Amino acid sequence: MFGKKDANQDKLAVQKAMTMIGQGTSVQGDMASDGDIRVDGGVKGALNSRSKIVVGNTGTVEGDLYCQNATIEGRVKGNIHVQELLILSKTAFVDGDILMKKLVVEEGARFNGKCSMAAVSKSYEADKTMAKVG
């Protein structure tokens, strides 16, 4: 009863974890997370989340993104692979190819690249980024 940890509690804690890269912070290198990733600073490298990636208004990413869902408000120079929903807000600028299941593009969003609407295979995600990072 006391002192015992439930395996489901551990999974919930990981799912709720969020990695934040704040404005004025820059990171170089690939990152992987089971939880959400939010970028308001700068990242040079691939990002892989089993959950959601948000690139905020002031965020810039130079590298590929792999995730379940994504919202882009800032700049991404690289390919984006989203298993479910990708939202490009009115302030988004994407220079790269995107592959996703569902897409929402707000008026004003800018995108240069190819767009394919298909499910991203989990094995591709794991092979491309998790092997390098994890």
N, C-alpha and C. Protein backbone atom coordinates (compact mmCIF):
# COMPACT_ATOMS: atom_id res chain seq x y z
N MET A 1 0.82 -1.18 0.00
CA MET A 1 0.00 0.00 0.00
C MET A 1 0.87 1.26 0.00
N PHE A 2 1.69 1.43 1.04
CA PHE A 2 2.58 2.58 1.07
C PHE A 2 3.92 2.19 0.49
N GLY A 3 4.56 3.12 -0.22
CA GLY A 3 5.88 2.87 -0.77
C GLY A 3 5.88 2.13 -2.09
N LYS A 4 4.75 1.56 -2.49
CA LYS A 4 4.68 0.85 -3.76
C LYS A 4 4.36 1.84 -4.87
N LYS A 5 5.06 1.71 -5.95
CA LYS A 5 4.79 2.54 -7.12
C LYS A 5 4.08 1.71 -8.16
N ASP A 6 3.07 2.28 -8.70
CA ASP A 6 2.32 1.64 -9.77
C ASP A 6 3.00 1.97 -11.09
N ALA A 7 3.15 1.00 -11.96
CA ALA A 7 3.80 1.21 -13.26
C ALA A 7 3.04 2.25 -14.08
N ASN A 8 1.71 2.30 -13.93
CA ASN A 8 0.92 3.30 -14.65
C ASN A 8 1.23 4.71 -14.19
N GLN A 9 1.54 4.89 -12.89
CA GLN A 9 1.91 6.21 -12.39
C GLN A 9 3.20 6.69 -13.03
N ASP A 10 4.16 5.79 -13.20
CA ASP A 10 5.41 6.14 -13.85
C ASP A 10 5.17 6.57 -15.30
N LYS A 11 4.30 5.84 -15.99
CA LYS A 11 3.99 6.18 -17.38
C LYS A 11 3.31 7.54 -17.47
N LEU A 12 2.39 7.83 -16.56
CA LEU A 12 1.70 9.11 -16.56
C LEU A 12 2.67 10.25 -16.29
N ALA A 13 3.60 10.05 -15.38
CA ALA A 13 4.58 11.09 -15.08
C ALA A 13 5.43 11.40 -16.29
N VAL A 14 5.83 10.38 -17.03
CA VAL A 14 6.64 10.59 -18.23
C VAL A 14 5.82 11.30 -19.30
N GLN A 15 4.57 10.90 -19.47
CA GLN A 15 3.72 11.52 -20.48
C GLN A 15 3.47 12.98 -20.18
N LYS A 16 3.42 13.37 -18.92
CA LYS A 16 3.14 14.74 -18.54
C LYS A 16 4.40 15.60 -18.56
N ALA A 17 5.57 14.99 -18.65
CA ALA A 17 6.82 15.74 -18.65
C ALA A 17 6.91 16.61 -19.89
N MET A 18 7.42 17.84 -19.72
CA MET A 18 7.58 18.74 -20.85
C MET A 18 9.00 19.29 -20.84
N THR A 19 9.63 19.26 -21.99
CA THR A 19 10.94 19.85 -22.16
C THR A 19 10.74 21.22 -22.80
N MET A 20 11.27 22.26 -22.15
CA MET A 20 11.12 23.61 -22.67
C MET A 20 12.48 24.22 -22.96
N ILE A 21 12.59 24.82 -24.14
CA ILE A 21 13.79 25.56 -24.50
C ILE A 21 13.35 27.02 -24.61
N GLY A 22 13.69 27.81 -23.60
CA GLY A 22 13.18 29.17 -23.48
C GLY A 22 13.82 30.15 -24.44
N GLN A 23 13.13 31.28 -24.60
CA GLN A 23 13.62 32.36 -25.44
C GLN A 23 14.98 32.81 -24.93
N GLY A 24 15.92 33.00 -25.83
CA GLY A 24 17.27 33.39 -25.46
C GLY A 24 18.19 32.21 -25.21
N THR A 25 17.67 30.99 -25.28
CA THR A 25 18.46 29.78 -25.09
C THR A 25 18.66 29.10 -26.43
N SER A 26 19.88 28.62 -26.67
CA SER A 26 20.12 27.86 -27.90
C SER A 26 20.74 26.51 -27.54
N VAL A 27 20.32 25.50 -28.28
CA VAL A 27 20.77 24.13 -28.04
C VAL A 27 21.26 23.57 -29.36
N GLN A 28 22.36 22.83 -29.30
CA GLN A 28 22.88 22.18 -30.49
C GLN A 28 22.96 20.69 -30.23
N GLY A 29 22.33 19.90 -31.10
CA GLY A 29 22.32 18.45 -30.96
C GLY A 29 20.92 17.89 -31.03
N ASP A 30 20.82 16.60 -31.28
CA ASP A 30 19.53 15.92 -31.38
C ASP A 30 18.94 15.70 -30.00
N MET A 31 17.59 15.77 -29.92
CA MET A 31 16.90 15.55 -28.64
C MET A 31 15.76 14.57 -28.84
N ALA A 32 15.48 13.78 -27.81
CA ALA A 32 14.35 12.86 -27.84
C ALA A 32 13.66 12.91 -26.48
N SER A 33 12.30 12.82 -26.51
CA SER A 33 11.54 12.87 -25.28
C SER A 33 10.27 12.04 -25.42
N ASP A 34 9.85 11.41 -24.33
CA ASP A 34 8.56 10.74 -24.31
C ASP A 34 7.43 11.74 -24.13
N GLY A 35 7.74 12.92 -23.57
CA GLY A 35 6.75 13.96 -23.33
C GLY A 35 6.80 15.05 -24.38
N ASP A 36 6.10 16.15 -24.11
CA ASP A 36 6.05 17.29 -25.03
C ASP A 36 7.39 18.03 -25.05
N ILE A 37 7.64 18.68 -26.18
CA ILE A 37 8.80 19.56 -26.33
C ILE A 37 8.28 20.90 -26.81
N ARG A 38 8.68 21.99 -26.15
CA ARG A 38 8.33 23.34 -26.58
C ARG A 38 9.62 24.12 -26.80
N VAL A 39 9.70 24.77 -27.97
CA VAL A 39 10.89 25.54 -28.33
C VAL A 39 10.50 27.00 -28.52
N ASP A 40 11.02 27.86 -27.65
CA ASP A 40 10.86 29.30 -27.81
C ASP A 40 12.22 29.95 -28.08
N GLY A 41 13.28 29.17 -27.99
CA GLY A 41 14.63 29.62 -28.30
C GLY A 41 15.07 29.02 -29.62
N GLY A 42 16.33 28.61 -29.71
CA GLY A 42 16.86 28.05 -30.95
C GLY A 42 17.40 26.64 -30.75
N VAL A 43 17.15 25.79 -31.73
CA VAL A 43 17.65 24.41 -31.71
C VAL A 43 18.27 24.11 -33.07
N LYS A 44 19.49 23.56 -33.05
CA LYS A 44 20.13 23.03 -34.26
C LYS A 44 20.29 21.55 -34.03
N GLY A 45 19.40 20.77 -34.63
CA GLY A 45 19.41 19.32 -34.46
C GLY A 45 18.00 18.78 -34.56
N ALA A 46 17.88 17.47 -34.67
CA ALA A 46 16.58 16.81 -34.80
C ALA A 46 15.88 16.75 -33.45
N LEU A 47 14.56 16.89 -33.49
CA LEU A 47 13.73 16.75 -32.29
C LEU A 47 12.79 15.58 -32.50
N ASN A 48 12.68 14.73 -31.48
CA ASN A 48 11.80 13.56 -31.55
C ASN A 48 10.99 13.51 -30.27
N SER A 49 9.65 13.55 -30.41
CA SER A 49 8.77 13.45 -29.26
C SER A 49 7.73 12.39 -29.55
N ARG A 50 7.47 11.57 -28.56
CA ARG A 50 6.38 10.59 -28.71
C ARG A 50 5.04 11.26 -28.44
N SER A 51 5.08 12.55 -28.17
CA SER A 51 3.87 13.30 -27.88
C SER A 51 3.78 14.49 -28.84
N LYS A 52 3.95 15.71 -28.34
CA LYS A 52 3.74 16.92 -29.13
C LYS A 52 4.98 17.80 -29.14
N ILE A 53 5.20 18.46 -30.27
CA ILE A 53 6.25 19.48 -30.39
C ILE A 53 5.57 20.80 -30.72
N VAL A 54 5.93 21.85 -29.97
CA VAL A 54 5.45 23.19 -30.25
C VAL A 54 6.67 24.07 -30.49
N VAL A 55 6.69 24.74 -31.63
CA VAL A 55 7.71 25.75 -31.91
C VAL A 55 7.00 27.08 -31.77
N GLY A 56 7.29 27.81 -30.69
CA GLY A 56 6.62 29.07 -30.39
C GLY A 56 7.02 30.19 -31.34
N ASN A 57 6.36 31.35 -31.18
CA ASN A 57 6.60 32.53 -32.03
C ASN A 57 8.07 32.87 -32.19
N THR A 58 8.82 32.80 -31.10
CA THR A 58 10.23 33.18 -31.12
C THR A 58 11.14 31.98 -31.36
N GLY A 59 10.57 30.80 -31.54
CA GLY A 59 11.35 29.58 -31.70
C GLY A 59 11.86 29.36 -33.11
N THR A 60 13.07 28.80 -33.20
CA THR A 60 13.65 28.41 -34.48
C THR A 60 14.26 27.02 -34.33
N VAL A 61 14.02 26.19 -35.33
CA VAL A 61 14.60 24.84 -35.34
C VAL A 61 15.25 24.62 -36.69
N GLU A 62 16.51 24.22 -36.68
CA GLU A 62 17.22 23.80 -37.89
C GLU A 62 17.49 22.31 -37.74
N GLY A 63 16.55 21.52 -38.22
CA GLY A 63 16.64 20.07 -38.11
C GLY A 63 15.27 19.48 -38.30
N ASP A 64 15.22 18.17 -38.42
CA ASP A 64 13.96 17.47 -38.66
C ASP A 64 13.18 17.29 -37.36
N LEU A 65 11.84 17.29 -37.48
CA LEU A 65 10.94 17.05 -36.35
C LEU A 65 10.22 15.73 -36.56
N TYR A 66 10.11 14.92 -35.51
CA TYR A 66 9.37 13.65 -35.51
C TYR A 66 8.49 13.65 -34.28
N CYS A 67 7.15 13.53 -34.46
CA CYS A 67 6.27 13.57 -33.30
C CYS A 67 4.87 13.06 -33.63
N GLN A 68 4.05 12.98 -32.60
CA GLN A 68 2.66 12.57 -32.74
C GLN A 68 1.82 13.74 -33.28
N ASN A 69 1.97 14.93 -32.66
CA ASN A 69 1.26 16.15 -33.05
C ASN A 69 2.23 17.31 -32.97
N ALA A 70 1.98 18.37 -33.76
CA ALA A 70 2.87 19.53 -33.73
C ALA A 70 2.10 20.80 -34.02
N THR A 71 2.54 21.88 -33.38
CA THR A 71 2.07 23.23 -33.68
C THR A 71 3.29 24.07 -33.96
N ILE A 72 3.31 24.70 -35.13
CA ILE A 72 4.43 25.54 -35.53
C ILE A 72 3.95 26.99 -35.58
N GLU A 73 4.57 27.83 -34.76
CA GLU A 73 4.28 29.26 -34.75
C GLU A 73 5.51 30.04 -35.20
N GLY A 74 6.69 29.45 -35.07
CA GLY A 74 7.95 30.10 -35.42
C GLY A 74 8.51 29.54 -36.71
N ARG A 75 9.85 29.36 -36.74
CA ARG A 75 10.54 28.94 -37.97
C ARG A 75 11.11 27.52 -37.83
N VAL A 76 10.93 26.73 -38.88
CA VAL A 76 11.52 25.40 -38.95
C VAL A 76 12.19 25.26 -40.30
N LYS A 77 13.50 24.95 -40.27
CA LYS A 77 14.23 24.64 -41.49
C LYS A 77 14.62 23.18 -41.40
N GLY A 78 13.78 22.32 -41.99
CA GLY A 78 13.98 20.89 -41.93
C GLY A 78 12.66 20.20 -42.22
N ASN A 79 12.69 18.91 -42.32
CA ASN A 79 11.50 18.13 -42.62
C ASN A 79 10.70 17.86 -41.35
N ILE A 80 9.38 17.78 -41.49
CA ILE A 80 8.49 17.55 -40.36
C ILE A 80 7.70 16.27 -40.61
N HIS A 81 7.78 15.34 -39.67
CA HIS A 81 7.08 14.05 -39.75
C HIS A 81 6.13 13.97 -38.56
N VAL A 82 4.82 14.06 -38.82
CA VAL A 82 3.82 14.08 -37.76
C VAL A 82 2.85 12.92 -37.98
N GLN A 83 2.66 12.12 -36.96
CA GLN A 83 1.78 10.95 -37.10
C GLN A 83 0.31 11.32 -37.14
N GLU A 84 -0.07 12.42 -36.55
CA GLU A 84 -1.48 12.81 -36.51
C GLU A 84 -1.68 14.20 -37.09
N LEU A 85 -1.75 15.24 -36.23
CA LEU A 85 -2.15 16.58 -36.61
C LEU A 85 -0.99 17.57 -36.59
N LEU A 86 -0.82 18.30 -37.69
CA LEU A 86 0.15 19.39 -37.79
C LEU A 86 -0.62 20.69 -37.97
N ILE A 87 -0.33 21.68 -37.11
CA ILE A 87 -0.95 23.00 -37.22
C ILE A 87 0.14 24.01 -37.55
N LEU A 88 -0.04 24.71 -38.67
CA LEU A 88 0.85 25.82 -39.05
C LEU A 88 0.09 27.11 -38.76
N SER A 89 0.53 27.85 -37.74
CA SER A 89 -0.17 29.07 -37.36
C SER A 89 0.19 30.20 -38.32
N LYS A 90 -0.48 31.33 -38.16
CA LYS A 90 -0.30 32.45 -39.09
C LYS A 90 1.11 33.02 -39.08
N THR A 91 1.89 32.76 -38.03
CA THR A 91 3.26 33.26 -37.95
C THR A 91 4.30 32.21 -38.33
N ALA A 92 3.86 31.04 -38.75
CA ALA A 92 4.77 29.93 -39.06
C ALA A 92 5.51 30.15 -40.37
N PHE A 93 6.77 29.71 -40.39
CA PHE A 93 7.55 29.66 -41.62
C PHE A 93 8.28 28.32 -41.64
N VAL A 94 7.95 27.48 -42.61
CA VAL A 94 8.55 26.15 -42.72
C VAL A 94 9.27 26.05 -44.06
N ASP A 95 10.54 25.66 -44.00
CA ASP A 95 11.34 25.43 -45.20
C ASP A 95 11.78 23.96 -45.15
N GLY A 96 10.96 23.09 -45.75
CA GLY A 96 11.23 21.66 -45.73
C GLY A 96 9.97 20.89 -46.07
N ASP A 97 10.13 19.61 -46.27
CA ASP A 97 8.99 18.76 -46.61
C ASP A 97 8.23 18.36 -45.34
N ILE A 98 6.91 18.19 -45.49
CA ILE A 98 6.12 17.74 -44.35
C ILE A 98 5.34 16.49 -44.72
N LEU A 99 5.22 15.61 -43.75
CA LEU A 99 4.47 14.37 -43.89
C LEU A 99 3.60 14.25 -42.64
N MET A 100 2.28 14.20 -42.83
CA MET A 100 1.38 14.13 -41.69
C MET A 100 0.07 13.50 -42.12
N LYS A 101 -0.78 13.21 -41.14
CA LYS A 101 -2.09 12.63 -41.41
C LYS A 101 -3.12 13.74 -41.63
N LYS A 102 -3.10 14.78 -40.76
CA LYS A 102 -4.04 15.90 -40.86
C LYS A 102 -3.25 17.21 -40.79
N LEU A 103 -3.74 18.23 -41.52
CA LEU A 103 -3.04 19.51 -41.59
C LEU A 103 -4.02 20.65 -41.44
N VAL A 104 -3.65 21.62 -40.59
CA VAL A 104 -4.39 22.87 -40.46
C VAL A 104 -3.41 23.99 -40.76
N VAL A 105 -3.76 24.84 -41.73
CA VAL A 105 -2.89 25.97 -42.11
C VAL A 105 -3.68 27.26 -41.93
N GLU A 106 -3.21 28.11 -41.03
CA GLU A 106 -3.85 29.40 -40.82
C GLU A 106 -3.41 30.38 -41.90
N GLU A 107 -4.26 31.33 -42.21
CA GLU A 107 -3.93 32.35 -43.20
C GLU A 107 -2.70 33.12 -42.74
N GLY A 108 -1.73 33.24 -43.62
CA GLY A 108 -0.49 33.94 -43.30
C GLY A 108 0.70 33.00 -43.10
N ALA A 109 0.43 31.73 -42.84
CA ALA A 109 1.52 30.76 -42.67
C ALA A 109 2.27 30.62 -43.98
N ARG A 110 3.60 30.44 -43.90
CA ARG A 110 4.42 30.27 -45.09
C ARG A 110 5.08 28.90 -45.06
N PHE A 111 5.08 28.26 -46.23
CA PHE A 111 5.60 26.90 -46.32
C PHE A 111 6.26 26.69 -47.67
N ASN A 112 7.52 26.24 -47.66
CA ASN A 112 8.26 25.91 -48.88
C ASN A 112 8.69 24.46 -48.79
N GLY A 113 8.14 23.62 -49.66
CA GLY A 113 8.50 22.21 -49.65
C GLY A 113 7.35 21.37 -50.15
N LYS A 114 7.54 20.06 -50.07
CA LYS A 114 6.50 19.11 -50.48
C LYS A 114 5.65 18.75 -49.27
N CYS A 115 4.39 18.45 -49.54
CA CYS A 115 3.46 18.08 -48.50
C CYS A 115 2.81 16.75 -48.85
N SER A 116 2.88 15.78 -47.94
CA SER A 116 2.25 14.48 -48.16
C SER A 116 1.36 14.16 -46.97
N MET A 117 0.13 13.76 -47.27
CA MET A 117 -0.79 13.40 -46.20
C MET A 117 -0.87 11.89 -46.11
N ALA A 118 -0.14 11.35 -45.16
CA ALA A 118 -0.12 9.91 -44.91
C ALA A 118 0.38 9.71 -43.48
N ALA A 119 0.09 8.57 -42.93
CA ALA A 119 0.57 8.27 -41.58
C ALA A 119 2.07 8.03 -41.61
N VAL A 120 2.76 8.54 -40.62
CA VAL A 120 4.20 8.32 -40.47
C VAL A 120 4.39 7.03 -39.69
N SER A 121 5.18 6.11 -40.22
CA SER A 121 5.37 4.84 -39.52
C SER A 121 6.21 5.04 -38.28
N LYS A 122 5.83 4.38 -37.21
CA LYS A 122 6.57 4.49 -35.95
C LYS A 122 7.97 3.93 -36.10
N SER A 123 8.14 2.90 -36.91
CA SER A 123 9.46 2.31 -37.06
C SER A 123 10.40 3.30 -37.75
N TYR A 124 9.90 4.07 -38.70
CA TYR A 124 10.73 5.08 -39.37
C TYR A 124 11.18 6.11 -38.35
N GLU A 125 10.26 6.56 -37.51
CA GLU A 125 10.57 7.53 -36.47
C GLU A 125 11.66 6.98 -35.56
N ALA A 126 11.48 5.78 -35.10
CA ALA A 126 12.45 5.19 -34.17
C ALA A 126 13.79 4.99 -34.84
N ASP A 127 13.79 4.50 -36.07
CA ASP A 127 15.05 4.25 -36.78
C ASP A 127 15.83 5.54 -37.01
N LYS A 128 15.14 6.61 -37.40
CA LYS A 128 15.81 7.84 -37.79
C LYS A 128 16.39 8.61 -36.61
N THR A 129 15.63 8.72 -35.51
CA THR A 129 16.07 9.62 -34.46
C THR A 129 16.37 8.92 -33.14
N MET A 130 15.52 8.03 -32.71
CA MET A 130 15.72 7.41 -31.40
C MET A 130 17.02 6.62 -31.36
N ALA A 131 17.37 6.00 -32.48
CA ALA A 131 18.60 5.23 -32.52
C ALA A 131 19.82 6.14 -32.34
N LYS A 132 19.76 7.33 -32.92
CA LYS A 132 20.86 8.27 -32.81
C LYS A 132 20.94 8.89 -31.42
N VAL A 133 19.77 9.18 -30.82
CA VAL A 133 19.74 9.93 -29.57
C VAL A 133 19.69 9.01 -28.37
N GLY A 134 18.80 8.01 -28.40
CA GLY A 134 18.55 7.18 -27.23
C GLY A 134 19.56 6.11 -27.12
